[in-house]
Amino acid sequence: MKQRKEKTMPDYGYFCKGDIIPAGEMKRQFLSKGMKPTTGYVCIRRLAGKQCKIGSPRGGRCECTHPLFDHTELFIKDGKPHTLVTQPYSLRDEELSALLSMCEKFNLKISMDGAAWHFPGRALRVVITQKH
């Protein structure tokens, strides 16, 4: 009896008009804009041109420790923090309110969609950038 080969699908992918886009490709499309992940602290304060409180000599609680920041990356462009991407599994009203307050405090803008590469279809993608 001949064994049937099963079609294998990538662990993560995004369904777009019936096609599967591997998560790595989703991130590459994002990186193609000349950005690369930071090797330093991943912190919303850095995006606003400030120092992360965790890495400062004074220490203390920092905004980047908020539970909303899950699977978070900070991307650098032209040597400066450019875009923060966080991929939470959910976003409750009080978390959204806190995020909007942080963005207002640091003069940042936010967009959200379902194109997370961490766990497509299960996580949200929240993109935070500087207002220009």
N, C-alpha and C. Protein backbone atom coordinates (compact mmCIF):
# COMPACT_ATOMS: atom_id res chain seq x y z
N MET A 1 0.83 -1.17 0.00
CA MET A 1 0.00 0.00 0.00
C MET A 1 0.88 1.25 0.00
N LYS A 2 0.59 2.16 -0.88
CA LYS A 2 1.38 3.37 -1.03
C LYS A 2 0.97 4.39 0.03
N GLN A 3 1.99 4.97 0.72
CA GLN A 3 1.68 5.97 1.75
C GLN A 3 1.44 7.32 1.10
N ARG A 4 0.43 8.00 1.61
CA ARG A 4 0.12 9.34 1.13
C ARG A 4 1.01 10.36 1.83
N LYS A 5 1.57 11.26 1.06
CA LYS A 5 2.35 12.33 1.66
C LYS A 5 1.40 13.41 2.15
N GLU A 6 1.54 13.77 3.40
CA GLU A 6 0.73 14.84 3.97
C GLU A 6 1.35 16.17 3.58
N LYS A 7 0.52 17.14 3.24
CA LYS A 7 1.02 18.49 3.02
C LYS A 7 1.33 19.10 4.37
N THR A 8 2.51 19.64 4.50
CA THR A 8 2.85 20.28 5.76
C THR A 8 2.74 21.78 5.60
N MET A 9 2.26 22.41 6.63
CA MET A 9 2.12 23.86 6.64
C MET A 9 3.12 24.42 7.65
N PRO A 10 3.59 25.63 7.43
CA PRO A 10 4.51 26.23 8.40
C PRO A 10 3.84 26.35 9.76
N ASP A 11 4.67 26.34 10.82
CA ASP A 11 4.13 26.47 12.17
C ASP A 11 3.30 27.73 12.30
N TYR A 12 3.79 28.79 11.71
CA TYR A 12 3.08 30.05 11.77
C TYR A 12 2.91 30.56 10.36
N GLY A 13 1.82 31.16 10.10
CA GLY A 13 1.58 31.73 8.79
C GLY A 13 0.37 32.62 8.82
N TYR A 14 0.22 33.40 7.82
CA TYR A 14 -0.89 34.32 7.75
C TYR A 14 -1.69 33.99 6.50
N PHE A 15 -2.96 33.78 6.64
CA PHE A 15 -3.80 33.46 5.50
C PHE A 15 -4.22 34.75 4.82
N CYS A 16 -3.87 34.88 3.57
CA CYS A 16 -4.19 36.06 2.79
C CYS A 16 -4.79 35.58 1.48
N LYS A 17 -6.08 35.72 1.33
CA LYS A 17 -6.78 35.25 0.13
C LYS A 17 -6.48 33.78 -0.12
N GLY A 18 -6.41 33.01 0.94
CA GLY A 18 -6.19 31.58 0.82
C GLY A 18 -4.73 31.17 0.80
N ASP A 19 -3.82 32.12 0.69
CA ASP A 19 -2.39 31.79 0.66
C ASP A 19 -1.83 31.81 2.07
N ILE A 20 -0.76 31.07 2.25
CA ILE A 20 -0.08 31.06 3.54
C ILE A 20 1.24 31.80 3.38
N ILE A 21 1.45 32.79 4.20
CA ILE A 21 2.72 33.52 4.19
C ILE A 21 3.44 33.16 5.48
N PRO A 22 4.61 32.51 5.41
CA PRO A 22 5.33 32.16 6.64
C PRO A 22 5.65 33.41 7.46
N ALA A 23 5.68 33.24 8.78
CA ALA A 23 5.91 34.36 9.69
C ALA A 23 7.22 35.07 9.38
N GLY A 24 8.25 34.31 9.03
CA GLY A 24 9.54 34.93 8.70
C GLY A 24 9.43 35.89 7.54
N GLU A 25 8.62 35.53 6.57
CA GLU A 25 8.41 36.41 5.41
C GLU A 25 7.65 37.67 5.82
N MET A 26 6.70 37.53 6.74
CA MET A 26 5.96 38.70 7.22
C MET A 26 6.93 39.69 7.86
N LYS A 27 7.87 39.19 8.64
CA LYS A 27 8.83 40.06 9.29
C LYS A 27 9.81 40.64 8.27
N ARG A 28 10.21 39.85 7.28
CA ARG A 28 11.12 40.35 6.24
C ARG A 28 10.49 41.50 5.48
N GLN A 29 9.19 41.42 5.22
CA GLN A 29 8.51 42.51 4.55
C GLN A 29 8.59 43.79 5.39
N PHE A 30 8.52 43.63 6.68
CA PHE A 30 8.64 44.77 7.59
C PHE A 30 10.07 45.30 7.59
N LEU A 31 11.04 44.39 7.61
CA LEU A 31 12.45 44.77 7.65
C LEU A 31 12.92 45.38 6.33
N SER A 32 12.23 45.11 5.26
CA SER A 32 12.64 45.62 3.95
C SER A 32 12.57 47.14 3.87
N LYS A 33 12.01 47.76 4.88
CA LYS A 33 11.92 49.22 4.91
C LYS A 33 13.17 49.85 5.51
N GLY A 34 14.25 49.08 5.59
CA GLY A 34 15.52 49.61 6.08
C GLY A 34 15.66 49.59 7.59
N MET A 35 14.84 48.83 8.28
CA MET A 35 14.91 48.75 9.73
C MET A 35 15.54 47.44 10.16
N LYS A 36 16.10 47.45 11.36
CA LYS A 36 16.64 46.22 11.94
C LYS A 36 16.33 46.22 13.43
N PRO A 37 16.19 45.02 14.04
CA PRO A 37 15.90 44.96 15.48
C PRO A 37 17.06 45.53 16.29
N THR A 38 16.74 46.21 17.37
CA THR A 38 17.77 46.76 18.25
C THR A 38 18.47 45.65 19.02
N THR A 39 19.69 45.92 19.41
CA THR A 39 20.40 45.00 20.31
C THR A 39 20.37 45.54 21.73
N GLY A 40 19.77 46.72 21.91
CA GLY A 40 19.67 47.34 23.23
C GLY A 40 18.32 47.06 23.87
N TYR A 41 17.99 47.86 24.86
CA TYR A 41 16.71 47.72 25.55
C TYR A 41 15.56 47.94 24.59
N VAL A 42 14.54 47.11 24.71
CA VAL A 42 13.31 47.27 23.93
C VAL A 42 12.34 48.03 24.82
N CYS A 43 12.24 49.33 24.57
CA CYS A 43 11.48 50.18 25.48
C CYS A 43 10.80 51.30 24.71
N ILE A 44 9.55 51.57 25.06
CA ILE A 44 8.80 52.65 24.43
C ILE A 44 9.45 54.01 24.70
N ARG A 45 10.11 54.15 25.82
CA ARG A 45 10.78 55.42 26.14
C ARG A 45 11.91 55.70 25.15
N ARG A 46 12.62 54.66 24.72
CA ARG A 46 13.70 54.85 23.73
C ARG A 46 13.15 55.38 22.42
N LEU A 47 11.97 54.92 22.05
CA LEU A 47 11.33 55.40 20.82
C LEU A 47 11.06 56.90 20.93
N ALA A 48 10.79 57.36 22.13
CA ALA A 48 10.51 58.78 22.37
C ALA A 48 11.79 59.59 22.64
N GLY A 49 12.96 58.97 22.46
CA GLY A 49 14.22 59.68 22.67
C GLY A 49 14.63 59.79 24.12
N LYS A 50 14.07 58.95 24.97
CA LYS A 50 14.39 58.96 26.41
C LYS A 50 15.07 57.65 26.79
N GLN A 51 15.64 57.61 27.97
CA GLN A 51 16.32 56.41 28.45
C GLN A 51 15.33 55.50 29.17
N CYS A 52 15.48 54.20 28.95
CA CYS A 52 14.68 53.22 29.67
C CYS A 52 15.03 53.33 31.15
N LYS A 53 14.02 53.37 32.00
CA LYS A 53 14.28 53.49 33.44
C LYS A 53 14.94 52.24 34.01
N ILE A 54 14.72 51.09 33.38
CA ILE A 54 15.34 49.86 33.87
C ILE A 54 16.85 49.93 33.71
N GLY A 55 17.31 50.50 32.61
CA GLY A 55 18.74 50.58 32.35
C GLY A 55 19.41 51.79 32.95
N SER A 56 18.66 52.68 33.59
CA SER A 56 19.26 53.89 34.14
C SER A 56 19.81 53.64 35.54
N PRO A 57 20.78 54.43 35.97
CA PRO A 57 21.33 54.28 37.31
C PRO A 57 20.28 54.44 38.40
N ARG A 58 19.25 55.23 38.13
CA ARG A 58 18.18 55.45 39.12
C ARG A 58 17.22 54.26 39.18
N GLY A 59 17.19 53.50 38.09
CA GLY A 59 16.32 52.31 38.06
C GLY A 59 14.86 52.69 38.15
N GLY A 60 14.09 51.85 38.78
CA GLY A 60 12.67 52.13 38.94
C GLY A 60 11.81 51.41 37.92
N ARG A 61 10.52 51.54 38.12
CA ARG A 61 9.55 50.91 37.22
C ARG A 61 9.48 51.70 35.91
N CYS A 62 9.48 50.99 34.81
CA CYS A 62 9.44 51.64 33.51
C CYS A 62 8.17 51.26 32.76
N GLU A 63 7.73 52.12 31.88
CA GLU A 63 6.53 51.86 31.08
C GLU A 63 6.65 50.57 30.25
N CYS A 64 7.87 50.20 29.89
CA CYS A 64 8.05 49.02 29.03
C CYS A 64 7.79 47.71 29.78
N THR A 65 7.57 47.76 31.09
CA THR A 65 7.25 46.55 31.84
C THR A 65 5.75 46.28 31.90
N HIS A 66 4.96 47.12 31.25
CA HIS A 66 3.51 46.93 31.23
C HIS A 66 3.19 45.59 30.59
N PRO A 67 2.23 44.83 31.12
CA PRO A 67 1.92 43.50 30.57
C PRO A 67 1.48 43.52 29.11
N LEU A 68 1.07 44.65 28.62
CA LEU A 68 0.68 44.79 27.23
C LEU A 68 1.85 44.51 26.29
N PHE A 69 3.07 44.80 26.72
CA PHE A 69 4.24 44.59 25.88
C PHE A 69 4.66 43.13 25.96
N ASP A 70 4.19 42.38 24.97
CA ASP A 70 4.44 40.94 24.89
C ASP A 70 4.97 40.64 23.48
N HIS A 71 6.04 39.91 23.39
CA HIS A 71 6.68 39.62 22.09
C HIS A 71 6.96 40.95 21.39
N THR A 72 7.71 41.80 22.07
CA THR A 72 7.95 43.17 21.64
C THR A 72 9.33 43.32 21.03
N GLU A 73 9.40 44.09 19.95
CA GLU A 73 10.66 44.39 19.29
C GLU A 73 10.73 45.88 19.00
N LEU A 74 11.92 46.43 19.14
CA LEU A 74 12.17 47.83 18.79
C LEU A 74 13.07 47.82 17.57
N PHE A 75 12.65 48.50 16.52
CA PHE A 75 13.41 48.54 15.29
C PHE A 75 14.12 49.87 15.14
N ILE A 76 15.35 49.79 14.65
CA ILE A 76 16.21 50.94 14.44
C ILE A 76 16.27 51.24 12.95
N LYS A 77 16.25 52.53 12.61
CA LYS A 77 16.45 52.94 11.23
C LYS A 77 17.39 54.14 11.24
N ASP A 78 18.39 54.09 10.40
CA ASP A 78 19.40 55.15 10.35
C ASP A 78 20.03 55.42 11.71
N GLY A 79 20.22 54.34 12.50
CA GLY A 79 20.89 54.43 13.79
C GLY A 79 20.04 54.94 14.94
N LYS A 80 18.74 55.18 14.70
CA LYS A 80 17.87 55.71 15.75
C LYS A 80 16.64 54.83 15.92
N PRO A 81 16.10 54.74 17.15
CA PRO A 81 14.86 53.99 17.34
C PRO A 81 13.77 54.55 16.42
N HIS A 82 13.09 53.66 15.72
CA HIS A 82 12.11 54.09 14.72
C HIS A 82 10.71 53.55 14.97
N THR A 83 10.59 52.25 15.24
CA THR A 83 9.28 51.61 15.37
C THR A 83 9.32 50.55 16.45
N LEU A 84 8.31 50.55 17.30
CA LEU A 84 8.16 49.51 18.32
C LEU A 84 6.97 48.65 17.91
N VAL A 85 7.18 47.34 17.88
CA VAL A 85 6.11 46.40 17.55
C VAL A 85 5.91 45.48 18.74
N THR A 86 4.69 45.42 19.22
CA THR A 86 4.35 44.48 20.28
C THR A 86 3.22 43.60 19.77
N GLN A 87 3.20 42.34 20.22
CA GLN A 87 2.24 41.38 19.68
C GLN A 87 1.52 40.65 20.81
N PRO A 88 0.62 41.37 21.50
CA PRO A 88 -0.12 40.74 22.59
C PRO A 88 -1.20 39.80 22.06
N TYR A 89 -1.61 38.88 22.91
CA TYR A 89 -2.69 37.96 22.54
C TYR A 89 -4.06 38.61 22.67
N SER A 90 -4.15 39.60 23.53
CA SER A 90 -5.41 40.31 23.71
C SER A 90 -5.10 41.73 24.17
N LEU A 91 -6.12 42.56 24.12
CA LEU A 91 -5.95 43.95 24.50
C LEU A 91 -7.27 44.40 25.13
N ARG A 92 -7.27 44.45 26.46
CA ARG A 92 -8.47 44.86 27.19
C ARG A 92 -8.58 46.39 27.20
N ASP A 93 -9.75 46.89 27.53
CA ASP A 93 -9.98 48.33 27.47
C ASP A 93 -9.02 49.12 28.36
N GLU A 94 -8.73 48.62 29.56
CA GLU A 94 -7.82 49.36 30.44
C GLU A 94 -6.38 49.34 29.90
N GLU A 95 -6.00 48.26 29.22
CA GLU A 95 -4.66 48.19 28.60
C GLU A 95 -4.58 49.14 27.41
N LEU A 96 -5.63 49.18 26.62
CA LEU A 96 -5.66 50.09 25.48
C LEU A 96 -5.62 51.53 25.96
N SER A 97 -6.35 51.82 27.00
CA SER A 97 -6.35 53.16 27.58
C SER A 97 -4.95 53.55 28.07
N ALA A 98 -4.27 52.61 28.74
CA ALA A 98 -2.90 52.87 29.23
C ALA A 98 -1.95 53.08 28.05
N LEU A 99 -2.11 52.30 27.01
CA LEU A 99 -1.25 52.44 25.83
C LEU A 99 -1.47 53.78 25.15
N LEU A 100 -2.72 54.17 24.99
CA LEU A 100 -3.01 55.47 24.38
C LEU A 100 -2.45 56.61 25.22
N SER A 101 -2.53 56.48 26.54
CA SER A 101 -1.95 57.50 27.43
C SER A 101 -0.44 57.58 27.28
N MET A 102 0.22 56.41 27.19
CA MET A 102 1.68 56.39 26.99
C MET A 102 2.04 57.07 25.68
N CYS A 103 1.29 56.75 24.63
CA CYS A 103 1.57 57.32 23.32
C CYS A 103 1.37 58.83 23.34
N GLU A 104 0.34 59.29 24.02
CA GLU A 104 0.10 60.73 24.14
C GLU A 104 1.24 61.39 24.93
N LYS A 105 1.63 60.77 26.03
CA LYS A 105 2.70 61.29 26.88
C LYS A 105 4.01 61.45 26.11
N PHE A 106 4.32 60.50 25.24
CA PHE A 106 5.59 60.51 24.52
C PHE A 106 5.46 61.01 23.07
N ASN A 107 4.28 61.55 22.71
CA ASN A 107 4.04 62.09 21.38
C ASN A 107 4.27 61.03 20.29
N LEU A 108 3.66 59.86 20.49
CA LEU A 108 3.79 58.74 19.57
C LEU A 108 2.43 58.42 18.96
N LYS A 109 2.45 57.74 17.83
CA LYS A 109 1.19 57.29 17.23
C LYS A 109 1.15 55.77 17.19
N ILE A 110 -0.05 55.25 17.11
CA ILE A 110 -0.26 53.81 17.23
C ILE A 110 -1.16 53.32 16.11
N SER A 111 -0.89 52.11 15.64
CA SER A 111 -1.81 51.43 14.73
C SER A 111 -1.87 49.97 15.15
N MET A 112 -2.99 49.33 14.89
CA MET A 112 -3.17 47.93 15.27
C MET A 112 -3.78 47.18 14.10
N ASP A 113 -3.35 45.93 13.94
CA ASP A 113 -3.94 45.06 12.94
C ASP A 113 -3.76 43.61 13.35
N GLY A 114 -4.18 42.71 12.53
CA GLY A 114 -4.09 41.28 12.84
C GLY A 114 -2.91 40.59 12.18
N ALA A 115 -1.92 41.35 11.71
CA ALA A 115 -0.80 40.78 10.96
C ALA A 115 0.42 40.48 11.83
N ALA A 116 0.21 39.95 13.02
CA ALA A 116 1.32 39.60 13.91
C ALA A 116 2.11 38.45 13.31
N TRP A 117 3.42 38.50 13.43
CA TRP A 117 4.24 37.38 12.97
C TRP A 117 4.59 36.44 14.10
N HIS A 118 4.35 36.87 15.34
CA HIS A 118 4.65 35.97 16.46
C HIS A 118 3.72 34.76 16.43
N PHE A 119 2.44 34.97 16.34
CA PHE A 119 1.48 33.87 16.31
C PHE A 119 0.28 34.36 15.50
N PRO A 120 0.43 34.41 14.17
CA PRO A 120 -0.64 34.94 13.31
C PRO A 120 -1.98 34.25 13.57
N GLY A 121 -3.00 35.05 13.60
CA GLY A 121 -4.33 34.54 13.85
C GLY A 121 -4.68 34.48 15.32
N ARG A 122 -3.68 34.57 16.19
CA ARG A 122 -3.91 34.52 17.64
C ARG A 122 -3.44 35.79 18.34
N ALA A 123 -2.43 36.45 17.78
CA ALA A 123 -1.89 37.66 18.40
C ALA A 123 -2.24 38.87 17.53
N LEU A 124 -2.27 40.02 18.16
CA LEU A 124 -2.46 41.29 17.47
C LEU A 124 -1.09 41.87 17.17
N ARG A 125 -1.02 42.72 16.18
CA ARG A 125 0.21 43.48 15.96
C ARG A 125 -0.09 44.93 16.25
N VAL A 126 0.64 45.48 17.21
CA VAL A 126 0.50 46.88 17.59
C VAL A 126 1.80 47.57 17.19
N VAL A 127 1.70 48.56 16.33
CA VAL A 127 2.87 49.26 15.80
C VAL A 127 2.84 50.68 16.34
N ILE A 128 3.95 51.08 16.98
CA ILE A 128 4.05 52.42 17.58
C ILE A 128 5.22 53.14 16.93
N THR A 129 4.97 54.36 16.43
CA THR A 129 6.00 55.15 15.80
C THR A 129 5.93 56.59 16.30
N GLN A 130 6.94 57.36 15.96
CA GLN A 130 6.94 58.77 16.32
C GLN A 130 5.98 59.53 15.41
N LYS A 131 5.36 60.56 15.97
CA LYS A 131 4.55 61.45 15.14
C LYS A 131 5.52 62.37 14.41
N HIS A 132 5.25 62.61 13.17
CA HIS A 132 6.15 63.50 12.40
C HIS A 132 5.45 64.76 12.03
